Protein backbone atom coordinates (compact mmCIF):
# COMPACT_ATOMS: atom_id res chain seq x y z
CA UNK A 1 -15.71 199.03 -83.94
CA UNK A 2 -12.36 197.47 -84.80
CA UNK A 3 -12.20 193.71 -85.17
CA UNK A 4 -10.88 192.31 -81.89
CA UNK A 5 -8.52 189.33 -82.03
CA UNK A 6 -8.15 187.28 -78.87
CA UNK A 7 -4.61 187.05 -77.49
CA UNK A 8 -4.46 183.27 -78.01
CA UNK A 9 -4.74 183.88 -81.77
CA UNK A 10 -2.94 187.22 -81.98
CA UNK A 11 0.15 185.88 -80.21
CA UNK A 12 0.14 182.35 -81.58
CA UNK A 13 3.81 181.31 -82.03
CA UNK A 14 5.15 181.57 -85.58
CA UNK A 15 8.35 179.65 -84.91
CA UNK A 16 9.70 177.01 -82.55
CA UNK A 17 11.61 179.65 -80.56
CA UNK A 18 8.29 181.24 -79.55
CA UNK A 19 6.69 178.01 -78.26
CA UNK A 20 6.47 178.10 -74.46
CA UNK A 21 7.44 175.21 -72.20
CA UNK A 22 7.99 172.50 -74.84
CA UNK A 23 11.72 172.76 -75.50
CA UNK A 24 12.20 168.98 -75.54
CA UNK A 25 9.79 168.73 -78.48
CA UNK A 26 10.70 171.86 -80.44
CA UNK A 27 14.42 170.98 -80.31
CA UNK A 28 13.74 167.45 -81.59
CA UNK A 29 11.48 168.66 -84.41
CA UNK A 30 13.88 171.41 -85.48
CA UNK A 31 16.82 168.98 -85.60
CA UNK A 32 14.73 166.44 -87.53
CA UNK A 33 13.78 169.07 -90.14
CA UNK A 34 17.34 170.44 -90.41
CA UNK A 35 18.75 166.93 -90.90
CA UNK A 36 15.91 165.76 -93.20
CA UNK A 37 14.97 163.01 -90.76
CA UNK A 38 11.36 163.93 -90.07
CA UNK A 39 9.04 160.92 -89.77
CA UNK A 40 6.04 160.79 -92.12
CA UNK A 41 3.58 160.13 -89.28
CA UNK A 42 3.73 162.13 -86.04
CA UNK A 43 1.45 161.95 -83.02
CA UNK A 44 1.27 165.02 -80.79
CA UNK A 45 -0.44 164.23 -77.47
CA UNK A 46 -0.92 166.17 -74.28
CA UNK A 47 -3.34 168.44 -72.37
CA UNK A 48 -5.38 171.17 -74.02
CA UNK A 49 -3.81 174.52 -74.83
CA UNK A 50 -0.14 173.47 -74.70
CA UNK A 51 0.78 174.00 -78.37
CA UNK A 52 0.05 170.74 -80.23
CA UNK A 53 -1.75 172.26 -83.24
CA UNK A 54 0.57 175.27 -83.20
CA UNK A 55 3.66 173.05 -83.47
CA UNK A 56 1.98 171.04 -86.24
CA UNK A 57 1.43 174.22 -88.28
CA UNK A 58 5.01 175.37 -87.67
CA UNK A 59 6.33 171.99 -88.90
CA UNK A 60 4.11 172.21 -91.98
CA UNK A 61 5.43 175.67 -92.88
CA UNK A 62 9.08 174.93 -92.12
CA UNK A 63 9.37 171.80 -94.26
CA UNK A 64 7.90 173.73 -97.20
CA UNK A 65 9.72 177.00 -96.53
CA UNK A 66 6.44 178.96 -96.38
CA UNK A 67 5.84 182.25 -94.62
CA UNK A 68 3.00 182.58 -92.13
CA UNK A 69 0.78 184.58 -94.53
CA UNK A 70 1.66 182.69 -97.72
CA UNK A 71 -1.50 181.94 -99.71
CA UNK A 72 -0.09 178.64 -100.97
CA UNK A 73 -0.37 177.33 -97.39
CA UNK A 74 -3.94 176.32 -98.07
CA UNK A 75 -2.84 174.18 -101.02
CA UNK A 76 -0.28 172.24 -99.01
CA UNK A 77 -1.62 172.20 -95.44
CA UNK A 78 -4.89 170.42 -94.74
CA UNK A 79 -6.53 170.46 -91.31
CA UNK A 80 -9.20 167.92 -90.42
CA UNK A 81 -11.29 167.99 -87.24
CA UNK A 82 -11.77 164.34 -86.37
CA UNK A 83 -14.44 165.24 -83.81
CA UNK A 84 -16.88 166.06 -86.61
CA UNK A 85 -15.27 164.11 -89.48
CA UNK A 86 -14.82 160.70 -87.89
CA UNK A 87 -16.43 158.28 -90.33
CA UNK A 88 -14.86 155.84 -92.80
CA UNK A 89 -16.11 158.02 -95.67
CA UNK A 90 -14.24 161.06 -94.32
CA UNK A 91 -11.00 159.08 -94.13
CA UNK A 92 -11.51 157.67 -97.64
CA UNK A 93 -11.90 161.22 -98.97
CA UNK A 94 -8.65 162.16 -97.24
CA UNK A 95 -6.88 159.12 -98.72
CA UNK A 96 -8.10 160.10 -102.20
CA UNK A 97 -6.55 163.56 -101.74
CA UNK A 98 -3.22 162.05 -100.68
CA UNK A 99 -2.78 160.44 -104.10
CA UNK A 100 -2.13 163.80 -105.78
CA UNK A 101 1.31 165.41 -105.32
CA UNK A 102 1.57 169.04 -104.13
CA UNK A 103 1.29 171.87 -106.66
CA UNK A 104 3.63 174.08 -104.63
CA UNK A 105 6.47 173.22 -102.26
CA UNK A 106 7.73 169.73 -101.46
CA UNK A 107 5.18 168.31 -99.05
CA UNK A 108 1.47 168.01 -98.40
CA UNK A 109 0.82 168.06 -94.65
CA UNK A 110 -2.34 166.63 -93.12
CA UNK A 111 -3.09 167.79 -89.57
CA UNK A 112 -5.81 165.69 -87.94
CA UNK A 113 -6.98 167.22 -84.67
CA UNK A 114 -8.70 165.22 -81.89
CA UNK A 115 -7.73 162.03 -83.72
CA UNK A 116 -8.97 159.85 -80.84
CA UNK A 117 -12.52 160.69 -81.97
CA UNK A 118 -12.18 158.59 -85.13
CA UNK A 119 -14.30 155.43 -85.18
CA UNK A 120 -12.56 152.03 -85.16
CA UNK A 121 -13.57 151.53 -88.78
CA UNK A 122 -12.05 154.88 -89.73
CA UNK A 123 -8.85 154.02 -87.87
CA UNK A 124 -8.60 150.71 -89.74
CA UNK A 125 -9.22 152.40 -93.09
CA UNK A 126 -6.37 154.80 -92.27
CA UNK A 127 -3.78 152.18 -91.32
CA UNK A 128 -2.23 151.35 -94.68
CA UNK A 129 -1.92 154.94 -95.83
CA UNK A 130 -0.44 155.99 -92.48
CA UNK A 131 2.19 153.24 -92.62
CA UNK A 132 3.23 153.72 -96.24
CA UNK A 133 2.27 157.23 -97.38
CA UNK A 134 3.65 158.80 -100.56
CA UNK A 135 7.05 160.46 -100.15
CA UNK A 136 5.47 163.93 -100.32
CA UNK A 137 2.82 163.31 -97.59
CA UNK A 138 3.28 164.04 -93.88
CA UNK A 139 0.60 163.17 -91.31
CA UNK A 140 0.48 164.98 -87.97
CA UNK A 141 -2.12 163.62 -85.56
CA UNK A 142 -3.06 165.56 -82.41
CA UNK A 143 -4.97 164.28 -79.40
CA UNK A 144 -5.64 165.05 -75.74
CA UNK A 145 -6.42 161.38 -75.01
CA UNK A 146 -3.65 159.13 -76.30
CA UNK A 147 -5.09 156.09 -74.52
CA UNK A 148 -8.10 156.17 -76.86
CA UNK A 149 -5.95 155.85 -79.99
CA UNK A 150 -5.75 152.20 -81.05
CA UNK A 151 -2.31 150.52 -80.68
CA UNK A 152 -1.96 149.84 -84.42
CA UNK A 153 -2.07 153.59 -85.06
CA UNK A 154 0.36 154.35 -82.22
CA UNK A 155 2.87 151.83 -83.57
CA UNK A 156 2.95 153.63 -86.93
CA UNK A 157 3.62 157.09 -85.47
CA UNK A 158 6.53 158.90 -83.88
CA UNK A 159 5.01 160.02 -80.57
CA UNK A 160 5.63 163.41 -78.95
CA UNK A 161 4.28 163.94 -75.42
CA UNK A 162 3.58 167.60 -74.65
CA UNK A 163 3.90 168.77 -71.04
CA UNK A 164 1.57 170.90 -68.97
CA UNK A 165 3.12 174.37 -68.99
CA UNK A 166 4.61 175.54 -65.69
CA UNK A 167 2.92 178.40 -63.81
CA UNK A 168 6.11 180.50 -64.02
CA UNK A 169 6.31 180.06 -67.81
CA UNK A 170 2.66 181.06 -68.31
CA UNK A 171 3.16 184.07 -66.05
CA UNK A 172 6.22 185.22 -68.05
CA UNK A 173 4.33 184.86 -71.34
CA UNK A 174 1.40 186.86 -69.97
CA UNK A 175 3.83 189.59 -68.91
CA UNK A 176 5.22 189.74 -72.47
CA UNK A 177 1.71 190.07 -73.90
CA UNK A 178 0.86 192.79 -71.35
CA UNK A 179 4.00 194.73 -72.26
CA UNK A 180 3.19 194.54 -75.98
CA UNK A 181 -0.37 195.71 -75.36
CA UNK A 182 0.89 198.42 -72.94
CA UNK A 183 -1.27 197.11 -70.10
CA UNK A 184 -0.22 197.67 -66.49
CA UNK A 185 -0.25 194.44 -64.50
CA UNK A 186 0.60 193.26 -61.01
CA UNK A 187 2.90 190.24 -60.76
CA UNK A 188 0.56 188.58 -58.24
CA UNK A 189 -2.36 188.98 -60.65
CA UNK A 190 -0.49 187.27 -63.50
CA UNK A 191 0.60 184.47 -61.18
CA UNK A 192 -3.00 183.90 -60.08
CA UNK A 193 -4.18 183.79 -63.70
CA UNK A 194 -1.39 181.32 -64.52
CA UNK A 195 -2.45 179.07 -61.63
CA UNK A 196 -6.08 179.18 -62.77
CA UNK A 197 -5.01 178.20 -66.30
CA UNK A 198 -3.94 174.77 -64.94
CA UNK A 199 -1.05 174.24 -67.34
CA UNK A 200 -2.83 175.49 -70.50
CA UNK A 201 -1.35 178.67 -71.99
CA UNK A 202 -4.42 179.19 -74.19
CA UNK A 203 -6.64 179.21 -71.08
CA UNK A 204 -4.27 181.66 -69.42
CA UNK A 205 -4.46 184.05 -72.37
CA UNK A 206 -8.26 183.78 -72.43
CA UNK A 207 -8.48 184.61 -68.72
CA UNK A 208 -6.04 187.48 -69.26
CA UNK A 209 -8.29 188.93 -71.99
CA UNK A 210 -11.24 188.63 -69.62
CA UNK A 211 -9.36 190.49 -66.88
CA UNK A 212 -8.34 193.29 -69.25
CA UNK A 213 -11.97 193.70 -70.29
CA UNK A 214 -13.10 193.66 -66.65
CA UNK A 215 -10.46 196.08 -65.36
CA UNK A 216 -10.83 199.78 -65.97
CA UNK A 217 -7.96 201.93 -67.18
CA UNK A 218 -6.06 199.07 -68.82
CA UNK A 219 -4.67 197.79 -65.52
CA UNK A 220 -4.93 194.23 -64.20
CA UNK A 221 -4.74 194.10 -60.41
CA UNK A 222 -4.57 191.19 -57.98
CA UNK A 223 -7.80 192.35 -56.31
CA UNK A 224 -9.69 192.45 -59.62
CA UNK A 225 -8.54 188.93 -60.51
CA UNK A 226 -9.63 187.62 -57.11
CA UNK A 227 -13.07 189.19 -57.46
CA UNK A 228 -13.68 188.25 -61.08
CA UNK A 229 -12.46 184.66 -60.89
CA UNK A 230 -14.01 184.13 -57.45
CA UNK A 231 -10.77 182.94 -55.88
CA UNK A 232 -10.11 183.02 -52.14
CA UNK A 233 -7.26 185.32 -51.13
CA UNK A 234 -4.10 183.75 -49.64
CA UNK A 235 -4.44 186.08 -46.65
CA UNK A 236 -7.49 184.21 -45.35
CA UNK A 237 -5.48 181.02 -44.95
CA UNK A 238 -2.62 182.87 -43.24
CA UNK A 239 -5.12 184.37 -40.75
CA UNK A 240 -6.74 180.96 -40.14
CA UNK A 241 -3.36 179.37 -39.36
CA UNK A 242 -2.45 182.30 -37.09
CA UNK A 243 -5.65 181.61 -35.15
CA UNK A 244 -4.89 177.90 -34.96
CA UNK A 245 -1.37 178.59 -33.69
CA UNK A 246 -2.86 180.79 -30.97
CA UNK A 247 -5.06 177.81 -29.95
CA UNK A 248 -8.06 180.04 -30.58
CA UNK A 249 -10.82 178.35 -32.56
CA UNK A 250 -13.01 181.49 -32.46
CA UNK A 251 -10.99 183.42 -35.06
CA UNK A 252 -10.94 180.57 -37.64
CA UNK A 253 -14.70 180.05 -37.19
CA UNK A 254 -15.39 183.76 -37.75
CA UNK A 255 -13.18 183.74 -40.84
CA UNK A 256 -15.03 180.69 -42.16
CA UNK A 257 -18.34 182.49 -41.65
CA UNK A 258 -17.03 185.52 -43.57
CA UNK A 259 -15.84 183.29 -46.40
CA UNK A 260 -19.19 181.49 -46.66
CA UNK A 261 -21.09 184.81 -46.66
CA UNK A 262 -18.99 185.87 -49.66
CA UNK A 263 -20.40 182.89 -51.56
CA UNK A 264 -17.44 180.50 -51.40
CA UNK A 265 -18.00 176.78 -50.99
CA UNK A 266 -16.92 175.24 -47.67
CA UNK A 267 -15.25 172.29 -49.39
CA UNK A 268 -13.21 174.63 -51.59
CA UNK A 269 -12.09 176.34 -48.39
CA UNK A 270 -10.95 173.12 -46.75
CA UNK A 271 -9.17 172.01 -49.95
CA UNK A 272 -7.44 175.41 -50.13
CA UNK A 273 -6.47 175.14 -46.46
CA UNK A 274 -4.93 171.71 -47.14
CA UNK A 275 -2.89 173.23 -49.98
CA UNK A 276 -1.81 176.04 -47.66
CA UNK A 277 -0.68 173.57 -44.99
CA UNK A 278 1.20 171.58 -47.61
CA UNK A 279 3.01 174.77 -48.69
CA UNK A 280 3.94 175.47 -45.09
CA UNK A 281 5.33 171.96 -44.77
CA UNK A 282 7.55 172.25 -47.86
CA UNK A 283 8.64 175.73 -46.69
CA UNK A 284 10.42 174.19 -43.72
CA UNK A 285 13.21 172.73 -45.84
CA UNK A 286 15.29 174.85 -48.21
CA UNK A 287 15.45 171.95 -50.67
CA UNK A 288 11.66 171.82 -51.12
CA UNK A 289 10.79 175.53 -51.08
CA UNK A 290 10.74 175.61 -54.88
CA UNK A 291 7.87 173.10 -54.88
CA UNK A 292 5.57 176.03 -54.05
CA UNK A 293 4.10 177.79 -57.10
CA UNK A 294 3.49 181.18 -55.50
CA UNK A 295 4.77 184.75 -56.09
CA UNK A 296 7.99 185.79 -54.33
CA UNK A 297 6.33 188.11 -51.78
CA UNK A 298 3.81 185.37 -50.86
CA UNK A 299 6.66 182.87 -50.55
CA UNK A 300 8.23 185.09 -47.88
CA UNK A 301 4.96 184.98 -45.91
CA UNK A 302 4.99 181.18 -46.08
CA UNK A 303 8.58 181.04 -44.85
CA UNK A 304 7.78 183.34 -41.91
CA UNK A 305 4.66 181.38 -40.87
CA UNK A 306 6.36 178.01 -41.38
CA UNK A 307 9.03 179.03 -38.85
CA UNK A 308 6.33 179.18 -36.17
CA UNK A 309 5.10 175.61 -36.76
CA UNK A 310 6.49 172.09 -36.57
CA UNK A 311 6.23 169.26 -39.13
CA UNK A 312 4.29 167.09 -36.66
CA UNK A 313 1.72 169.82 -36.08
CA UNK A 314 1.29 170.49 -39.81
CA UNK A 315 0.92 166.78 -40.58
CA UNK A 316 -1.74 166.46 -37.90
CA UNK A 317 -3.64 169.43 -39.32
CA UNK A 318 -3.32 167.99 -42.82
CA UNK A 319 -4.72 164.68 -41.61
CA UNK A 320 -7.77 166.40 -40.08
CA UNK A 321 -8.35 168.55 -43.19
CA UNK A 322 -8.05 165.54 -45.49
CA UNK A 323 -10.56 163.52 -43.45
CA UNK A 324 -12.95 166.48 -43.57
CA UNK A 325 -12.64 166.66 -47.36
CA UNK A 326 -13.24 162.90 -47.70
CA UNK A 327 -16.38 162.99 -45.52
CA UNK A 328 -17.76 166.27 -46.88
CA UNK A 329 -20.08 164.89 -49.58
CA UNK A 330 -21.70 162.34 -47.28
CA UNK A 331 -22.18 164.72 -44.35
CA UNK A 332 -25.71 165.88 -43.42
CA UNK A 333 -24.36 169.09 -41.88
CA UNK A 334 -21.42 170.11 -44.03
CA UNK A 335 -20.76 173.44 -42.36
CA UNK A 336 -20.59 171.82 -38.92
CA UNK A 337 -18.15 169.23 -40.31
CA UNK A 338 -15.75 171.98 -41.46
CA UNK A 339 -16.18 173.92 -38.20
CA UNK A 340 -15.46 170.78 -36.20
CA UNK A 341 -12.29 170.22 -38.23
CA UNK A 342 -11.12 173.76 -37.43
CA UNK A 343 -11.84 173.29 -33.73
CA UNK A 344 -9.89 170.01 -33.70
CA UNK A 345 -6.95 171.73 -35.38
CA UNK A 346 -7.02 174.57 -32.86
CA UNK A 347 -6.63 172.13 -29.95
CA UNK A 348 -4.04 169.77 -31.45
CA UNK A 349 -1.32 172.04 -30.08
CA UNK A 350 -2.57 171.63 -26.50
CA UNK A 351 -2.57 167.85 -26.96
CA UNK A 352 1.12 168.07 -27.87
CA UNK A 353 1.87 170.24 -24.83
CA UNK A 354 0.00 167.90 -22.46
CA UNK A 355 1.94 164.84 -23.58
CA UNK A 356 5.27 166.54 -24.01
CA UNK A 357 5.69 164.64 -27.30
CA UNK A 358 3.93 164.50 -30.63
CA UNK A 359 1.37 161.65 -30.59
CA UNK A 360 1.01 159.16 -33.41
CA UNK A 361 -1.66 159.80 -36.01
CA UNK A 362 -3.72 156.91 -34.61
CA UNK A 363 -3.36 158.19 -31.06
CA UNK A 364 -4.27 161.72 -32.14
CA UNK A 365 -7.36 160.45 -33.93
CA UNK A 366 -8.54 158.66 -30.77
CA UNK A 367 -8.03 161.76 -28.64
CA UNK A 368 -9.91 164.07 -31.01
CA UNK A 369 -12.84 161.75 -31.80
């Protein structure tokens, strides 16, 4: 059996131009290297899987002029995992290494991952070296929790804040990987994977590998992704809203029963319904349509359904769904709570018709309770 390499490693960026969604950082770093104005202590902070360690390795290679596979990398680039090497003794060993100039290239680069895990004593032992390192030493610290790094360390570093990667950017990168691997994919499937990744490209690539393994015939379909990741299809929410617009609480209740029998959690359903209603609300204004992170064909469905509703009605439904979500954990009969919320939503429309005007949220609450 051939050695399998996960996509997150196989397609790790080798240059700044390949880094996804961090142009503000890659441009700054590239200009700093080109103009010989790179600080000797850098702090890369941001969510997991957005390219912090990758950018650190690219910086280390670029300032030394190394190729990706150059064996001298190991003599100039040192990586320390602060999660397991967080004592004063570990930092003292690192400081002892810093005293010796590089055997190859111009710089020795120390990449310290999860730096927030260092103990206070280790941080204090590191202060002097971090502030006044030798001219050939560059320190790149990476962390997902900047607030846990002590202020005296922050003040000695040039700080780079990495962003969560947009769903569209993750989806495009997954499409590139699929094309290179000659895997057939559906756009909706990639978009769903990108949403599940929650801003982390590494997570998106891991889920993509899982879907390729799950799917037969080297084809990733929307249906397979839904089934494997246990995600509720958009269509359920469209059907629920259609039932609510028809002032028919029977159809939403039957759909809820079907969803629960498939093993989905009722609170996840009500949270998803709230997100759906929010998307309908932003679909009613051309200026806010782009706030929806959905595929193009799904966006058209939102626009069509949004045309049949009013902002007041959607806000009232959102209010009911939000209250249901808030009270869910404390409820003795959670299913009944969700069913009651759906029945209230189904009859909000008739309340509007009876009054001739949209009631206030407080007035609506009194009528429905």
